[in-house]
Amino acid sequence: MRITIPLMFLLLVVACDDDGARKESVDSDSNIDSMLIADEGEKDESDPGDIADQLTVQDETVSETDPVTDDMGPAADETAVDELSDEDAFVVPDEDVDSASNETCTVLFGLPNDKTGLTTEQCQPLCNCEGKYFQPPFYTEDDIAKLLAMVPVNPPAEVTVDPYDTPEAHQPLPGSVCGLFLDDTITNGYRLETFASDTAASAAGAYITHWDACGVCSTLTNLVVYMRNPDLTDPVRQCGIDNMFNKNGNIECLQGLGFDLPCAQIWYYNTQHTQSKCYGKCITAVNDPYHNPDGTLNECLLCDEENSGAVFKSVAGRNRRNTGLPSSMCRPCAEVQPVFHYYW
């Protein structure tokens, strides 16, 4: 019986990916990507139609190759392309002609898939409301190869102690951003530094790689994992099932998805904390879509965000929303930060 209960939980666990709570949807990106239930993951995403055009920033339409067996290979690429070329795609305003709309935001930002529970009219990879216009580019494999070739000169330390034991010491810093500087002290080097504001980062000549302070998931290696895996639910869940009661094995499995060690560690701790706080709600919602019909998160994902999101956001740093990447857990445009990842 003691093995049956944890196994039932793991079967519903999601991968959490985006950060913050409902209040910011602390995305335990914390996300339930981390929770192994059905993500936000971070599932973050599959999508409406002609997104090939919508998300295309260059002439190359890339099939996003995922870093995990089910998200990493050609199959994932083909799925992404199919989703991006659906005939029923929504109409995207012409950036060269249409100015940002001042209408109230009613459409969520994301890439809905069959687990999202929302239509492409309710959730799209585009924000054009309340004075904000943001359409994330479609990053090509050439772009990703350049990102992976870059080397951090100040990589984050490992997360050796559970940060959820001292939540008061791990809270987000409002208004802060994580800046990136090219650093020629090593070949293809870069350095990450936290700034109190975007204006401070710009004044220092830094690229803004994500909003909120830098954390253990801020490196470009982890950025690529998020780019390639709009929905990490299944692979993260499998890591938990295959490594029940095996912390090191679970973390190594997460690394196998592409995360570096420090980022894999905070995902592991987030999953464990959410399990302890949201077991009942997540058992009940195990087969529920990520969203309710009105766009709010289901009970399990909401519990994860409210209980695990703030600490995850603080320690991880990077998540999809503050990085400008859509996921299958759709978010209000007010929480999405326009960021472009071209550091060359």
Protein backbone atom coordinates (compact mmCIF):
# COMPACT_ATOMS: atom_id res chain seq x y z
CA MET A 1 0.00 0.00 0.00
CA ARG A 2 2.90 2.38 0.79
CA ILE A 3 4.16 1.89 -2.76
CA THR A 4 0.75 2.10 -4.39
CA ILE A 5 -0.07 5.60 -3.11
CA PRO A 6 3.15 7.26 -4.32
CA LEU A 7 2.79 5.49 -7.63
CA MET A 8 -0.74 6.83 -8.05
CA PHE A 9 0.57 10.30 -7.43
CA LEU A 10 3.42 9.97 -9.84
CA LEU A 11 1.02 8.85 -12.52
CA LEU A 12 -0.70 12.19 -12.27
CA VAL A 13 2.31 14.31 -11.79
CA VAL A 14 2.90 17.03 -14.30
CA ALA A 15 5.96 18.88 -15.34
CA CYS A 16 5.53 22.27 -14.11
CA ASP A 17 7.49 24.99 -16.40
CA ASP A 18 6.40 28.41 -16.08
CA ASP A 19 6.91 30.30 -12.86
CA GLY A 20 4.85 31.88 -10.36
CA ALA A 21 1.43 31.45 -8.87
CA ARG A 22 -1.92 32.33 -10.09
CA LYS A 23 -1.11 35.69 -8.88
CA GLU A 24 1.49 35.87 -11.43
CA SER A 25 0.64 32.47 -12.02
CA VAL A 26 3.61 31.56 -10.08
CA ASP A 27 4.10 29.03 -12.65
CA SER A 28 5.91 26.55 -10.73
CA ASP A 29 6.71 26.52 -14.27
CA SER A 30 7.41 25.50 -10.89
CA ASN A 31 5.22 25.05 -13.31
CA ILE A 32 3.62 21.86 -12.94
CA ASP A 33 6.13 20.97 -15.39
CA SER A 34 7.90 20.23 -12.28
CA MET A 35 4.99 18.63 -10.73
CA LEU A 36 4.70 15.87 -13.12
CA ILE A 37 1.00 16.08 -13.52
CA ALA A 38 0.21 17.16 -16.86
CA ASP A 39 2.42 20.20 -17.03
CA GLU A 40 2.49 23.79 -17.87
CA GLY A 41 5.17 22.87 -18.58
CA GLU A 42 6.01 24.00 -18.39
CA LYS A 43 2.63 20.74 -21.42
CA ASP A 44 2.94 23.37 -22.57
CA GLU A 45 2.00 23.44 -26.09
CA SER A 46 0.98 22.37 -29.35
CA ASP A 47 -0.81 24.74 -31.45
CA PRO A 48 -3.26 26.26 -33.67
CA GLY A 49 -2.73 26.67 -37.10
CA ASP A 50 -0.58 28.62 -39.30
CA ILE A 51 1.90 29.27 -36.64
CA ALA A 52 4.58 28.43 -39.02
CA ASP A 53 3.93 31.88 -40.32
CA GLN A 54 3.00 33.29 -36.96
CA LEU A 55 6.14 32.17 -35.22
CA THR A 56 8.49 32.55 -38.11
CA VAL A 57 11.14 35.13 -37.70
CA GLN A 58 13.46 33.86 -40.36
CA ASP A 59 12.96 32.05 -43.59
CA GLU A 60 13.75 28.70 -42.03
CA THR A 61 10.83 26.99 -40.41
CA VAL A 62 12.31 24.71 -37.91
CA SER A 63 10.93 21.56 -36.56
CA GLU A 64 11.69 21.95 -32.90
CA THR A 65 13.74 18.99 -31.85
CA ASP A 66 13.13 18.06 -28.26
CA PRO A 67 15.80 17.02 -25.84
CA VAL A 68 13.91 14.04 -24.52
CA THR A 69 12.98 10.88 -26.20
CA ASP A 70 9.42 11.87 -26.69
CA ASP A 71 10.20 15.54 -27.21
CA MET A 72 13.65 15.32 -28.62
CA GLY A 73 13.55 13.46 -31.80
CA PRO A 74 12.20 13.79 -35.26
CA ALA A 75 8.74 12.86 -34.08
CA ALA A 76 8.57 15.95 -31.93
CA ASP A 77 9.75 18.00 -34.85
CA GLU A 78 7.09 16.65 -37.13
CA THR A 79 4.40 17.27 -34.56
CA ALA A 80 5.50 20.85 -34.14
CA VAL A 81 5.42 21.43 -37.86
CA ASP A 82 2.00 19.84 -38.21
CA GLU A 83 0.64 21.99 -35.45
CA LEU A 84 2.11 25.09 -36.96
CA SER A 85 0.55 24.53 -40.30
CA ASP A 86 -3.05 23.90 -39.38
CA GLU A 87 -5.50 25.45 -41.81
CA ASP A 88 -7.65 26.84 -39.07
CA ALA A 89 -4.94 29.12 -37.75
CA PHE A 90 -6.03 32.44 -36.36
CA VAL A 91 -5.22 35.68 -38.14
CA VAL A 92 -2.05 37.39 -36.99
CA PRO A 93 -1.85 41.16 -37.37
CA ASP A 94 0.85 42.42 -39.68
CA GLU A 95 3.54 43.89 -37.46
CA ASP A 96 4.58 46.24 -40.23
CA VAL A 97 1.09 47.61 -40.62
CA ASP A 98 -0.89 47.18 -37.45
CA SER A 99 0.06 48.99 -34.29
CA ALA A 100 -0.43 47.34 -30.92
CA SER A 101 -4.07 47.20 -29.95
CA ASN A 102 -5.30 49.03 -26.87
CA GLU A 103 -8.20 46.65 -26.45
CA THR A 104 -8.54 44.75 -23.17
CA CYS A 105 -6.61 41.48 -23.16
CA THR A 106 -9.03 38.58 -23.44
CA VAL A 107 -6.94 35.95 -25.24
CA LEU A 108 -4.31 34.02 -23.27
CA PHE A 109 -0.72 33.52 -24.45
CA GLY A 110 0.42 29.98 -25.18
CA LEU A 111 0.48 27.01 -27.54
CA PRO A 112 -2.54 24.88 -26.66
CA ASN A 113 -2.40 21.14 -27.23
CA ASP A 114 -4.89 18.36 -26.60
CA LYS A 115 -4.20 18.54 -22.86
CA THR A 116 -4.68 22.29 -22.54
CA GLY A 117 -8.46 22.34 -22.53
CA LEU A 118 -8.73 25.63 -24.46
CA THR A 119 -9.35 26.47 -28.09
CA THR A 120 -7.01 28.43 -30.32
CA GLU A 121 -9.43 31.32 -30.00
CA GLN A 122 -8.84 31.36 -26.25
CA CYS A 123 -5.07 30.83 -26.32
CA GLN A 124 -2.58 31.90 -29.00
CA PRO A 125 1.21 32.44 -29.26
CA LEU A 126 0.67 36.16 -29.64
CA CYS A 127 -0.12 39.15 -27.45
CA ASN A 128 -1.74 42.17 -29.09
CA CYS A 129 -3.72 44.05 -26.47
CA GLU A 130 -3.48 46.84 -23.91
CA GLY A 131 -0.62 48.43 -25.82
CA LYS A 132 1.50 45.26 -25.99
CA TYR A 133 2.40 43.50 -29.21
CA PHE A 134 4.59 40.44 -28.88
CA GLN A 135 4.97 37.54 -31.25
CA PRO A 136 7.78 35.14 -30.29
CA PRO A 137 10.09 34.16 -33.14
CA PHE A 138 10.38 30.59 -34.34
CA TYR A 139 13.92 29.66 -33.25
CA THR A 140 15.70 27.54 -35.82
CA GLU A 141 18.11 24.68 -35.22
CA ASP A 142 20.87 27.03 -36.31
CA ASP A 143 19.83 29.45 -33.56
CA ILE A 144 19.72 26.63 -31.03
CA ALA A 145 23.14 25.35 -32.07
CA LYS A 146 24.58 28.81 -31.44
CA LEU A 147 22.96 28.98 -28.02
CA LEU A 148 24.28 25.56 -27.04
CA ALA A 149 27.80 26.52 -28.17
CA MET A 150 27.88 29.38 -25.66
CA VAL A 151 29.59 28.70 -22.32
CA PRO A 152 28.76 30.40 -18.97
CA VAL A 153 31.79 31.81 -17.18
CA ASN A 154 29.83 32.03 -13.92
CA PRO A 155 27.61 28.93 -13.86
CA PRO A 156 25.20 28.62 -10.91
CA ALA A 157 26.02 26.54 -7.86
CA GLU A 158 24.26 23.25 -7.21
CA VAL A 159 21.08 23.21 -5.14
CA THR A 160 22.22 20.89 -2.35
CA VAL A 161 19.62 21.91 0.25
CA ASP A 162 15.85 21.88 -0.21
CA PRO A 163 14.91 25.58 -0.62
CA TYR A 164 11.34 24.80 0.44
CA ASP A 165 12.64 24.29 3.97
CA THR A 166 13.31 28.06 4.15
CA PRO A 167 10.78 29.67 1.78
CA GLU A 168 11.21 33.10 3.33
CA ALA A 169 14.78 33.15 2.02
CA HIS A 170 13.69 32.41 -1.53
CA GLN A 171 11.23 34.98 -2.83
CA PRO A 172 11.11 36.77 -6.22
CA LEU A 173 12.61 40.25 -6.59
CA PRO A 174 9.94 42.44 -8.26
CA GLY A 175 11.16 44.38 -11.29
CA SER A 176 14.53 42.62 -11.53
CA VAL A 177 15.92 41.12 -14.74
CA CYS A 178 18.68 38.69 -15.64
CA GLY A 179 21.22 40.27 -17.96
CA LEU A 180 23.66 38.47 -20.27
CA PHE A 181 27.07 39.80 -21.31
CA LEU A 182 29.32 38.25 -23.92
CA ASP A 183 32.62 37.40 -22.20
CA ASP A 184 35.74 36.75 -24.26
CA THR A 185 37.76 35.41 -21.33
CA ILE A 186 36.83 32.00 -22.73
CA THR A 187 35.75 30.92 -26.20
CA ASN A 188 32.04 31.64 -26.75
CA GLY A 189 31.78 32.77 -23.16
CA TYR A 190 28.92 34.67 -21.55
CA ARG A 191 28.22 35.97 -18.07
CA LEU A 192 24.89 36.33 -16.27
CA GLU A 193 24.15 39.16 -13.85
CA THR A 194 21.01 40.29 -12.02
CA PHE A 195 19.89 43.91 -12.39
CA ALA A 196 17.30 45.78 -10.35
CA SER A 197 15.47 46.85 -13.53
CA ASP A 198 15.43 46.51 -17.29
CA THR A 199 16.67 50.08 -17.67
CA ALA A 200 19.67 49.31 -15.46
CA ALA A 201 20.49 46.25 -17.55
CA SER A 202 20.21 48.20 -20.80
CA ALA A 203 22.36 51.00 -19.43
CA ALA A 204 25.05 48.45 -18.59
CA GLY A 205 24.94 47.09 -22.13
CA ALA A 206 23.49 43.71 -21.17
CA TYR A 207 21.07 41.59 -23.17
CA ILE A 208 17.97 40.80 -21.11
CA THR A 209 17.77 37.01 -21.23
CA HIS A 210 14.74 36.84 -18.94
CA TRP A 211 12.84 38.95 -16.44
CA ASP A 212 13.26 38.30 -12.70
CA ALA A 213 16.62 37.69 -11.03
CA CYS A 214 19.07 35.16 -12.45
CA GLY A 215 18.77 31.67 -10.99
CA VAL A 216 19.93 28.10 -11.46
CA CYS A 217 17.88 27.63 -14.65
CA SER A 218 19.01 30.90 -16.27
CA THR A 219 21.79 29.40 -18.38
CA LEU A 220 21.28 29.03 -22.12
CA THR A 221 21.37 25.25 -21.85
CA ASN A 222 18.09 25.37 -19.94
CA LEU A 223 16.67 28.00 -22.30
CA VAL A 224 17.06 25.48 -25.11
CA VAL A 225 15.19 22.82 -23.11
CA TYR A 226 12.23 25.20 -22.82
CA MET A 227 12.45 26.12 -26.50
CA ARG A 228 12.34 22.50 -27.57
CA ASN A 229 9.80 21.27 -25.05
CA PRO A 230 6.63 23.33 -24.83
CA ASP A 231 5.11 20.50 -22.78
CA LEU A 232 7.41 18.58 -20.45
CA THR A 233 4.69 16.71 -18.64
CA ASP A 234 5.19 13.18 -19.94
CA PRO A 235 9.02 13.05 -19.81
CA VAL A 236 9.22 14.62 -16.35
CA ARG A 237 6.50 12.31 -15.07
CA GLN A 238 8.38 9.33 -16.43
CA CYS A 239 11.51 10.41 -14.58
CA GLY A 240 9.53 10.22 -11.36
CA ILE A 241 7.96 6.85 -12.14
CA ASP A 242 11.27 5.31 -13.18
CA ASN A 243 13.08 6.66 -10.11
CA MET A 244 10.60 6.35 -7.30
CA PHE A 245 12.35 6.87 -3.94
CA ASN A 246 15.60 7.49 -5.83
CA LYS A 247 16.54 11.18 -5.63
CA ASN A 248 19.79 10.90 -7.55
CA GLY A 249 18.21 8.78 -10.26
CA ASN A 250 15.35 11.25 -10.65
CA ILE A 251 17.73 14.19 -10.97
CA GLU A 252 19.90 12.32 -13.48
CA CYS A 253 16.79 11.55 -15.51
CA LEU A 254 15.87 15.25 -15.55
CA GLN A 255 19.38 16.00 -16.75
CA GLY A 256 18.75 13.53 -19.52
CA LEU A 257 15.98 15.84 -20.74
CA GLY A 258 18.63 18.50 -21.26
CA PHE A 259 18.60 20.41 -17.96
CA ASP A 260 21.94 21.10 -16.34
CA LEU A 261 22.46 19.76 -12.81
CA PRO A 262 21.42 22.82 -10.74
CA CYS A 263 18.22 23.30 -12.76
CA ALA A 264 17.37 19.58 -12.54
CA GLN A 265 17.82 19.79 -8.77
CA ILE A 266 15.31 22.62 -8.25
CA TRP A 267 12.81 20.81 -10.47
CA TYR A 268 13.20 17.75 -8.28
CA TYR A 269 12.65 19.70 -5.05
CA ASN A 270 9.66 21.47 -6.57
CA THR A 271 8.08 18.16 -7.50
CA GLN A 272 8.55 16.77 -4.01
CA HIS A 273 7.10 19.87 -2.36
CA THR A 274 4.05 19.94 -4.61
CA GLN A 275 3.46 16.27 -3.91
CA SER A 276 3.39 16.96 -0.18
CA LYS A 277 1.01 19.93 -0.51
CA CYS A 278 -1.31 18.99 -3.35
CA TYR A 279 -1.67 15.22 -3.30
CA GLY A 280 -5.44 15.13 -2.79
CA LYS A 281 -6.26 17.79 -5.37
CA CYS A 282 -3.95 16.27 -7.92
CA ILE A 283 -5.34 12.77 -7.50
CA THR A 284 -8.78 14.23 -8.17
CA ALA A 285 -7.62 16.21 -11.21
CA VAL A 286 -5.35 13.53 -12.66
CA ASN A 287 -7.27 13.32 -15.93
CA ASP A 288 -8.43 16.93 -16.09
CA PRO A 289 -7.20 19.33 -18.81
CA TYR A 290 -4.74 21.95 -17.62
CA HIS A 291 -7.40 24.66 -17.82
CA ASN A 292 -11.03 25.01 -16.88
CA PRO A 293 -13.37 26.23 -19.66
CA ASP A 294 -13.02 29.82 -18.41
CA GLY A 295 -9.24 29.73 -18.80
CA THR A 296 -8.31 29.30 -15.13
CA LEU A 297 -5.94 26.51 -14.11
CA ASN A 298 -7.32 23.23 -12.81
CA GLU A 299 -7.20 22.60 -9.05
CA CYS A 300 -3.96 20.64 -9.13
CA LEU A 301 -1.97 23.12 -11.19
CA LEU A 302 -3.31 26.02 -9.19
CA CYS A 303 -2.32 24.31 -5.94
CA ASP A 304 1.17 23.77 -7.32
CA GLU A 305 1.54 27.41 -8.28
CA GLU A 306 0.23 28.75 -5.02
CA ASN A 307 2.30 26.45 -2.83
CA SER A 308 5.47 25.88 -4.84
CA GLY A 309 5.60 28.64 -7.42
CA ALA A 310 7.25 31.51 -5.55
CA VAL A 311 10.23 29.47 -4.34
CA PHE A 312 10.68 27.80 -7.71
CA LYS A 313 10.57 31.16 -9.47
CA SER A 314 13.14 32.63 -7.12
CA VAL A 315 15.59 29.73 -7.26
CA ALA A 316 15.15 28.74 -10.92
CA GLY A 317 15.09 32.28 -12.31
CA ARG A 318 14.14 31.37 -15.87
CA ASN A 319 10.71 30.09 -16.86
CA ARG A 320 8.74 30.31 -20.09
CA ARG A 321 6.63 33.36 -19.32
CA ASN A 322 9.49 35.57 -18.22
CA THR A 323 11.56 34.30 -21.14
CA GLY A 324 9.08 35.07 -23.92
CA LEU A 325 8.24 31.46 -24.79
CA PRO A 326 4.69 30.07 -25.11
CA SER A 327 3.64 26.86 -23.40
CA SER A 328 0.62 24.58 -23.30
CA MET A 329 -0.33 26.13 -19.99
CA CYS A 330 -1.74 29.39 -21.25
CA ARG A 331 -1.06 32.66 -19.42
CA PRO A 332 -2.47 36.20 -19.35
CA CYS A 333 -0.53 38.56 -21.62
CA ALA A 334 0.13 40.80 -18.63
CA GLU A 335 2.42 38.08 -17.26
CA VAL A 336 4.33 37.52 -20.50
CA GLN A 337 7.60 39.35 -21.11
CA PRO A 338 8.78 40.07 -24.68
CA VAL A 339 12.31 38.63 -24.91
CA PHE A 340 14.34 37.70 -28.01
CA HIS A 341 17.26 35.30 -27.76
CA TYR A 342 19.79 36.41 -30.34
CA TYR A 343 23.08 37.02 -28.59
CA TRP A 344 25.34 37.47 -31.60
